[in-house]
């Protein structure tokens, strides 16, 4: 069942997760996490600024939105906890499906995509952190859009 409220590439990933059983989802999340690449030094260096830190995230995730041309943006992430597999997986999913996309579409990203990807049985703490990542992506896209219109 394709989501109409998210960009097409992300909807396709959500559909893929929807078709998998719990073990297959876990394997796919690990595959995504294994592809994680930290924010390039040209975008940010440690110590990372607090305004890029995802609130309530146990894995100490950070988000950067880089304006490209016009209304398009690129996403970058850091995950400080080496055991932050879920945060790394979500970072890769968001970066691979949304980078280069329209800031206005990304600004409307609903937080509940976390449940579409990770399932409803995700712990409250982990869910809050992952939804915080989505929320920071959306609000950062909104700010990038506003600054491109000035």
N, C-alpha and C. Protein backbone atom coordinates (compact mmCIF):
# COMPACT_ATOMS: atom_id res chain seq x y z
N UNK A 1 0.84 -1.18 0.00
CA UNK A 1 0.00 0.00 0.00
C UNK A 1 0.88 1.24 0.00
N UNK A 2 1.03 1.87 -1.12
CA UNK A 2 1.94 3.02 -1.26
C UNK A 2 1.42 4.23 -0.51
N UNK A 3 2.33 4.88 0.20
CA UNK A 3 1.99 6.12 0.89
C UNK A 3 2.02 7.24 -0.13
N UNK A 4 1.01 8.07 -0.09
CA UNK A 4 0.91 9.19 -1.02
C UNK A 4 1.53 10.46 -0.44
N UNK A 5 1.80 10.46 0.90
CA UNK A 5 2.27 11.67 1.57
C UNK A 5 3.79 11.72 1.71
N UNK A 6 4.50 10.84 1.01
CA UNK A 6 5.96 10.86 1.04
C UNK A 6 6.49 10.79 -0.39
N UNK A 7 7.70 11.28 -0.61
CA UNK A 7 8.27 11.18 -1.96
C UNK A 7 8.33 9.73 -2.44
N UNK A 8 8.23 9.55 -3.75
CA UNK A 8 8.11 8.24 -4.38
C UNK A 8 9.20 7.25 -3.95
N UNK A 9 10.46 7.69 -3.94
CA UNK A 9 11.56 6.76 -3.60
C UNK A 9 11.41 6.24 -2.18
N UNK A 10 11.01 7.10 -1.26
CA UNK A 10 10.79 6.68 0.12
C UNK A 10 9.58 5.76 0.22
N UNK A 11 8.52 6.07 -0.51
CA UNK A 11 7.33 5.21 -0.53
C UNK A 11 7.68 3.80 -1.00
N UNK A 12 8.58 3.69 -1.95
CA UNK A 12 9.00 2.37 -2.45
C UNK A 12 9.73 1.58 -1.37
N UNK A 13 10.57 2.24 -0.59
CA UNK A 13 11.29 1.57 0.50
C UNK A 13 10.28 1.13 1.57
N UNK A 14 9.35 2.00 1.89
CA UNK A 14 8.31 1.66 2.87
C UNK A 14 7.52 0.45 2.39
N UNK A 15 7.17 0.43 1.12
CA UNK A 15 6.45 -0.73 0.55
C UNK A 15 7.28 -2.00 0.68
N UNK A 16 8.57 -1.88 0.46
CA UNK A 16 9.45 -3.06 0.59
C UNK A 16 9.41 -3.59 2.02
N UNK A 17 9.52 -2.69 3.01
CA UNK A 17 9.46 -3.12 4.40
C UNK A 17 8.11 -3.74 4.73
N UNK A 18 7.06 -3.19 4.16
CA UNK A 18 5.70 -3.68 4.42
C UNK A 18 5.51 -5.12 3.96
N UNK A 19 6.29 -5.54 2.96
CA UNK A 19 6.14 -6.89 2.41
C UNK A 19 6.99 -7.94 3.14
N UNK A 20 7.75 -7.52 4.14
CA UNK A 20 8.69 -8.42 4.80
C UNK A 20 8.19 -8.88 6.16
N UNK A 21 8.63 -10.06 6.58
CA UNK A 21 8.34 -10.49 7.95
C UNK A 21 9.38 -9.87 8.89
N UNK A 22 9.22 -10.06 10.17
CA UNK A 22 10.07 -9.41 11.18
C UNK A 22 11.56 -9.70 10.96
N UNK A 23 11.93 -10.96 10.71
CA UNK A 23 13.34 -11.31 10.52
C UNK A 23 13.91 -10.68 9.26
N UNK A 24 13.11 -10.67 8.19
CA UNK A 24 13.57 -10.05 6.95
C UNK A 24 13.74 -8.55 7.12
N UNK A 25 12.84 -7.91 7.87
CA UNK A 25 12.97 -6.47 8.16
C UNK A 25 14.28 -6.19 8.90
N UNK A 26 14.54 -7.03 9.90
CA UNK A 26 15.77 -6.85 10.68
C UNK A 26 17.00 -6.97 9.78
N UNK A 27 17.02 -7.97 8.93
CA UNK A 27 18.15 -8.15 8.00
C UNK A 27 18.31 -6.95 7.07
N UNK A 28 17.19 -6.44 6.56
CA UNK A 28 17.25 -5.30 5.65
C UNK A 28 17.72 -4.04 6.39
N UNK A 29 17.27 -3.85 7.62
CA UNK A 29 17.72 -2.69 8.41
C UNK A 29 19.23 -2.77 8.64
N UNK A 30 19.74 -3.95 8.91
CA UNK A 30 21.18 -4.12 9.11
C UNK A 30 21.93 -3.81 7.81
N UNK A 31 21.38 -4.25 6.68
CA UNK A 31 22.00 -3.93 5.38
C UNK A 31 22.07 -2.42 5.17
N UNK A 32 20.99 -1.72 5.47
CA UNK A 32 20.99 -0.26 5.35
C UNK A 32 22.04 0.34 6.29
N UNK A 33 22.05 -0.09 7.55
CA UNK A 33 22.98 0.45 8.54
C UNK A 33 24.43 0.24 8.11
N UNK A 34 24.72 -0.89 7.48
CA UNK A 34 26.08 -1.19 7.02
C UNK A 34 26.55 -0.21 5.94
N UNK A 35 25.62 0.45 5.27
CA UNK A 35 25.98 1.41 4.22
C UNK A 35 26.15 2.84 4.77
N UNK A 36 25.96 3.01 6.07
CA UNK A 36 26.03 4.35 6.67
C UNK A 36 27.39 4.99 6.44
N UNK A 37 27.35 6.24 6.00
CA UNK A 37 28.57 7.04 5.86
C UNK A 37 28.32 8.36 6.58
N UNK A 38 29.22 8.69 7.46
CA UNK A 38 29.07 9.89 8.27
C UNK A 38 29.15 11.16 7.44
N UNK A 39 28.57 12.22 7.99
CA UNK A 39 28.59 13.54 7.37
C UNK A 39 30.02 13.87 6.90
N UNK A 40 30.19 14.35 5.67
CA UNK A 40 31.53 14.69 5.19
C UNK A 40 32.13 15.86 5.99
N UNK A 41 33.43 15.86 6.19
CA UNK A 41 34.07 16.94 6.93
C UNK A 41 33.84 18.32 6.32
N UNK A 42 33.58 18.38 5.02
CA UNK A 42 33.31 19.68 4.38
C UNK A 42 31.98 20.26 4.87
N UNK A 43 31.08 19.40 5.38
CA UNK A 43 29.77 19.86 5.87
C UNK A 43 29.82 20.13 7.37
N UNK A 44 30.47 19.24 8.14
CA UNK A 44 30.53 19.42 9.59
C UNK A 44 31.69 18.64 10.19
N UNK A 45 32.24 19.20 11.25
CA UNK A 45 33.33 18.54 12.00
C UNK A 45 32.98 18.50 13.48
N UNK A 46 33.55 17.52 14.18
CA UNK A 46 33.36 17.41 15.64
C UNK A 46 34.08 18.56 16.33
N UNK A 47 33.56 19.02 17.44
CA UNK A 47 32.28 18.65 18.03
C UNK A 47 31.13 19.23 17.21
N UNK A 48 30.12 18.41 16.98
CA UNK A 48 29.00 18.84 16.15
C UNK A 48 28.15 19.86 16.90
N UNK A 49 27.66 20.87 16.19
CA UNK A 49 26.82 21.89 16.84
C UNK A 49 25.52 21.30 17.38
N UNK A 50 25.15 21.77 18.55
CA UNK A 50 23.97 21.25 19.25
C UNK A 50 22.68 21.44 18.44
N UNK A 51 22.59 22.49 17.62
CA UNK A 51 21.36 22.72 16.85
C UNK A 51 21.11 21.64 15.79
N UNK A 52 22.12 20.82 15.53
CA UNK A 52 21.96 19.73 14.56
C UNK A 52 21.68 18.39 15.25
N UNK A 53 21.68 18.39 16.58
CA UNK A 53 21.48 17.16 17.34
C UNK A 53 20.00 16.82 17.43
N UNK A 54 19.71 15.54 17.23
CA UNK A 54 18.33 15.05 17.33
C UNK A 54 17.99 14.88 18.81
N UNK A 55 16.95 15.57 19.23
CA UNK A 55 16.50 15.47 20.61
C UNK A 55 15.91 14.09 20.87
N UNK A 56 16.08 13.60 22.08
CA UNK A 56 15.53 12.31 22.54
C UNK A 56 16.12 11.10 21.80
N UNK A 57 17.19 11.28 21.07
CA UNK A 57 17.78 10.15 20.34
C UNK A 57 18.89 9.52 21.17
N UNK A 58 18.69 8.26 21.53
CA UNK A 58 19.66 7.52 22.34
C UNK A 58 20.98 7.30 21.61
N UNK A 59 20.97 7.39 20.30
CA UNK A 59 22.18 7.13 19.51
C UNK A 59 22.97 8.40 19.19
N UNK A 60 22.54 9.53 19.74
CA UNK A 60 23.20 10.81 19.49
C UNK A 60 23.35 11.08 18.00
N UNK A 61 22.21 11.14 17.33
CA UNK A 61 22.19 11.41 15.89
C UNK A 61 22.17 12.91 15.64
N UNK A 62 22.75 13.29 14.51
CA UNK A 62 22.79 14.68 14.06
C UNK A 62 22.33 14.72 12.61
N UNK A 63 21.70 15.85 12.23
CA UNK A 63 21.17 16.02 10.88
C UNK A 63 21.64 17.35 10.30
N UNK A 64 22.05 17.31 9.02
CA UNK A 64 22.37 18.53 8.27
C UNK A 64 21.61 18.51 6.96
N UNK A 65 21.10 19.66 6.59
CA UNK A 65 20.46 19.84 5.29
C UNK A 65 21.31 20.83 4.52
N UNK A 66 21.77 20.39 3.37
CA UNK A 66 22.64 21.22 2.52
C UNK A 66 21.86 21.66 1.29
N UNK A 67 21.69 22.98 1.11
CA UNK A 67 21.00 23.46 -0.09
C UNK A 67 21.81 23.10 -1.33
N UNK A 68 21.12 22.64 -2.35
CA UNK A 68 21.78 22.35 -3.63
C UNK A 68 21.44 23.51 -4.56
N UNK A 69 20.70 23.25 -5.62
CA UNK A 69 20.31 24.35 -6.50
C UNK A 69 18.81 24.55 -6.40
N UNK A 70 18.40 25.79 -6.35
CA UNK A 70 16.97 26.07 -6.26
C UNK A 70 16.38 25.52 -4.99
N UNK A 71 15.41 24.64 -5.13
CA UNK A 71 14.68 24.11 -3.98
C UNK A 71 15.16 22.72 -3.56
N UNK A 72 16.17 22.21 -4.19
CA UNK A 72 16.65 20.86 -3.87
C UNK A 72 17.64 20.90 -2.71
N UNK A 73 17.65 19.83 -1.92
CA UNK A 73 18.55 19.75 -0.77
C UNK A 73 19.21 18.38 -0.70
N UNK A 74 20.32 18.34 0.00
CA UNK A 74 21.00 17.07 0.31
C UNK A 74 20.94 16.88 1.82
N UNK A 75 20.88 15.65 2.26
CA UNK A 75 20.85 15.32 3.68
C UNK A 75 22.14 14.65 4.08
N UNK A 76 22.59 14.97 5.30
CA UNK A 76 23.78 14.34 5.87
C UNK A 76 23.49 14.02 7.33
N UNK A 77 24.12 12.96 7.82
CA UNK A 77 23.87 12.50 9.18
C UNK A 77 25.16 12.10 9.87
N UNK A 78 25.14 12.18 11.19
CA UNK A 78 26.16 11.58 12.04
C UNK A 78 25.41 10.79 13.11
N UNK A 79 25.95 9.67 13.49
CA UNK A 79 25.41 8.86 14.58
C UNK A 79 26.60 8.51 15.46
N UNK A 80 26.63 9.11 16.64
CA UNK A 80 27.78 8.97 17.52
C UNK A 80 27.86 7.62 18.24
N UNK A 81 26.74 6.97 18.45
CA UNK A 81 26.74 5.67 19.12
C UNK A 81 27.06 4.59 18.09
N UNK A 82 28.20 3.90 18.23
CA UNK A 82 28.54 2.86 17.25
C UNK A 82 27.52 1.72 17.21
N UNK A 83 26.73 1.58 18.28
CA UNK A 83 25.68 0.54 18.32
C UNK A 83 24.34 1.06 17.79
N UNK A 84 24.30 2.27 17.28
CA UNK A 84 23.05 2.89 16.82
C UNK A 84 22.61 2.38 15.46
N UNK A 85 22.35 1.10 15.37
CA UNK A 85 22.01 0.48 14.08
C UNK A 85 20.71 1.05 13.52
N UNK A 86 19.70 1.23 14.35
CA UNK A 86 18.42 1.76 13.85
C UNK A 86 18.58 3.19 13.34
N UNK A 87 19.31 4.01 14.09
CA UNK A 87 19.54 5.40 13.66
C UNK A 87 20.35 5.43 12.36
N UNK A 88 21.35 4.57 12.26
CA UNK A 88 22.14 4.52 11.03
C UNK A 88 21.29 4.05 9.85
N UNK A 89 20.46 3.03 10.09
CA UNK A 89 19.60 2.52 9.02
C UNK A 89 18.64 3.61 8.55
N UNK A 90 18.01 4.32 9.48
CA UNK A 90 17.09 5.38 9.10
C UNK A 90 17.82 6.49 8.37
N UNK A 91 19.02 6.83 8.83
CA UNK A 91 19.80 7.87 8.15
C UNK A 91 20.07 7.49 6.70
N UNK A 92 20.45 6.25 6.46
CA UNK A 92 20.73 5.80 5.10
C UNK A 92 19.44 5.82 4.26
N UNK A 93 18.35 5.34 4.84
CA UNK A 93 17.08 5.34 4.10
C UNK A 93 16.70 6.76 3.71
N UNK A 94 16.76 7.68 4.66
CA UNK A 94 16.38 9.07 4.37
C UNK A 94 17.34 9.72 3.38
N UNK A 95 18.63 9.49 3.57
CA UNK A 95 19.62 10.10 2.65
C UNK A 95 19.47 9.54 1.24
N UNK A 96 19.35 8.23 1.12
CA UNK A 96 19.28 7.62 -0.22
C UNK A 96 17.98 7.95 -0.95
N UNK A 97 16.89 8.13 -0.22
CA UNK A 97 15.61 8.36 -0.88
C UNK A 97 15.23 9.83 -1.01
N UNK A 98 15.84 10.70 -0.18
CA UNK A 98 15.42 12.10 -0.18
C UNK A 98 16.48 13.08 -0.66
N UNK A 99 17.76 12.75 -0.53
CA UNK A 99 18.81 13.69 -0.97
C UNK A 99 18.65 14.00 -2.44
N UNK A 100 18.74 15.28 -2.74
CA UNK A 100 18.53 15.73 -4.11
C UNK A 100 17.08 16.06 -4.39
N UNK A 101 16.24 15.83 -3.38
CA UNK A 101 14.81 16.06 -3.55
C UNK A 101 14.38 17.49 -3.24
N UNK A 102 13.11 17.73 -3.46
CA UNK A 102 12.51 19.04 -3.26
C UNK A 102 12.31 19.32 -1.77
N UNK A 103 12.83 20.45 -1.30
CA UNK A 103 12.74 20.81 0.12
C UNK A 103 11.30 20.90 0.59
N UNK A 104 10.40 21.36 -0.26
CA UNK A 104 9.00 21.50 0.15
C UNK A 104 8.38 20.13 0.44
N UNK A 105 8.66 19.14 -0.39
CA UNK A 105 8.16 17.78 -0.14
C UNK A 105 8.76 17.20 1.14
N UNK A 106 10.05 17.40 1.32
CA UNK A 106 10.75 16.85 2.48
C UNK A 106 10.27 17.53 3.76
N UNK A 107 9.94 18.81 3.69
CA UNK A 107 9.45 19.55 4.85
C UNK A 107 8.12 19.00 5.37
N UNK A 108 7.38 18.28 4.54
CA UNK A 108 6.08 17.72 4.92
C UNK A 108 6.18 16.26 5.39
N UNK A 109 7.38 15.76 5.54
CA UNK A 109 7.59 14.37 5.90
C UNK A 109 6.92 14.03 7.23
N UNK A 110 6.02 13.04 7.26
CA UNK A 110 5.35 12.67 8.51
C UNK A 110 6.24 11.78 9.38
N UNK A 111 6.22 12.06 10.68
CA UNK A 111 7.05 11.28 11.61
C UNK A 111 6.67 9.81 11.67
N UNK A 112 5.42 9.50 11.37
CA UNK A 112 4.97 8.12 11.53
C UNK A 112 5.55 7.15 10.50
N UNK A 113 6.35 7.65 9.57
CA UNK A 113 7.03 6.72 8.67
C UNK A 113 7.94 5.78 9.44
N UNK A 114 8.35 6.21 10.65
CA UNK A 114 9.19 5.37 11.51
C UNK A 114 8.49 4.03 11.76
N UNK A 115 7.18 4.07 12.02
CA UNK A 115 6.44 2.83 12.29
C UNK A 115 6.28 1.99 11.03
N UNK A 116 6.18 2.66 9.87
CA UNK A 116 6.09 1.92 8.60
C UNK A 116 7.37 1.13 8.33
N UNK A 117 8.48 1.67 8.76
CA UNK A 117 9.78 1.04 8.51
C UNK A 117 10.14 0.04 9.61
N UNK A 118 10.02 0.47 10.88
CA UNK A 118 10.50 -0.33 12.00
C UNK A 118 9.42 -1.18 12.66
N UNK A 119 8.15 -0.91 12.35
CA UNK A 119 7.06 -1.66 12.96
C UNK A 119 6.53 -0.97 14.20
N UNK A 120 5.33 -1.32 14.57
CA UNK A 120 4.66 -0.70 15.72
C UNK A 120 5.23 -1.20 17.05
N UNK A 121 5.95 -2.29 17.04
CA UNK A 121 6.45 -2.85 18.29
C UNK A 121 7.77 -2.21 18.74
N UNK A 122 8.23 -1.20 18.05
CA UNK A 122 9.47 -0.52 18.41
C UNK A 122 9.33 0.09 19.82
N UNK A 123 10.40 0.07 20.59
CA UNK A 123 10.33 0.62 21.95
C UNK A 123 10.05 2.12 21.92
N UNK A 124 9.45 2.62 22.99
CA UNK A 124 9.09 4.03 23.03
C UNK A 124 10.32 4.92 22.89
N UNK A 125 11.40 4.59 23.60
CA UNK A 125 12.61 5.40 23.53
C UNK A 125 13.21 5.45 22.14
N UNK A 126 13.32 4.30 21.53
CA UNK A 126 13.88 4.24 20.17
C UNK A 126 12.95 4.94 19.18
N UNK A 127 11.67 4.72 19.32
CA UNK A 127 10.70 5.36 18.44
C UNK A 127 10.76 6.88 18.54
N UNK A 128 10.88 7.39 19.76
CA UNK A 128 10.96 8.84 19.96
C UNK A 128 12.20 9.41 19.28
N UNK A 129 13.32 8.72 19.42
CA UNK A 129 14.56 9.20 18.79
C UNK A 129 14.48 9.18 17.28
N UNK A 130 13.93 8.10 16.72
CA UNK A 130 13.83 8.00 15.27
C UNK A 130 12.83 9.00 14.71
N UNK A 131 11.72 9.19 15.42
CA UNK A 131 10.77 10.23 14.99
C UNK A 131 11.41 11.61 15.10
N UNK A 132 12.28 11.79 16.09
CA UNK A 132 13.02 13.04 16.22
C UNK A 132 13.92 13.28 15.02
N UNK A 133 14.51 12.21 14.48
CA UNK A 133 15.34 12.35 13.27
C UNK A 133 14.49 12.85 12.11
N UNK A 134 13.33 12.22 11.92
CA UNK A 134 12.44 12.61 10.82
C UNK A 134 11.98 14.05 11.01
N UNK A 135 11.64 14.39 12.23
CA UNK A 135 11.17 15.74 12.54
C UNK A 135 12.26 16.78 12.25
N UNK A 136 13.50 16.49 12.63
CA UNK A 136 14.59 17.44 12.39
C UNK A 136 14.88 17.55 10.90
N UNK A 137 14.78 16.47 10.16
CA UNK A 137 14.94 16.52 8.70
C UNK A 137 13.88 17.46 8.12
N UNK A 138 12.62 17.27 8.53
CA UNK A 138 11.51 18.07 8.00
C UNK A 138 11.67 19.55 8.36
N UNK A 139 11.99 19.83 9.62
CA UNK A 139 12.11 21.24 10.03
C UNK A 139 13.34 21.90 9.39
N UNK A 140 14.41 21.15 9.21
CA UNK A 140 15.60 21.69 8.55
C UNK A 140 15.31 21.97 7.08
N UNK A 141 14.53 21.10 6.44
CA UNK A 141 14.13 21.33 5.04
C UNK A 141 13.27 22.58 4.94
N UNK A 142 12.39 22.76 5.91
CA UNK A 142 11.53 23.95 5.95
C UNK A 142 12.37 25.22 6.05
N UNK A 143 13.39 25.20 6.94
CA UNK A 143 14.28 26.37 7.08
C UNK A 143 15.06 26.62 5.80
N UNK A 144 15.54 25.55 5.16
CA UNK A 144 16.29 25.70 3.90
C UNK A 144 15.40 26.29 2.82
N UNK A 145 14.16 25.87 2.79
CA UNK A 145 13.21 26.38 1.81
C UNK A 145 12.96 27.86 2.05
N UNK A 146 12.75 28.24 3.30
CA UNK A 146 12.51 29.64 3.65
C UNK A 146 13.70 30.51 3.29
N UNK A 147 14.91 30.02 3.55
CA UNK A 147 16.10 30.84 3.24
C UNK A 147 16.35 30.93 1.73
N UNK A 148 15.91 29.93 0.96
CA UNK A 148 16.08 29.99 -0.50
C UNK A 148 15.10 30.97 -1.14
N UNK A 149 14.03 31.27 -0.42
CA UNK A 149 13.02 32.17 -0.96
C UNK A 149 13.31 33.63 -0.59
N UNK A 150 14.33 33.83 0.24
CA UNK A 150 14.69 35.21 0.63
C UNK A 150 15.74 35.79 -0.29
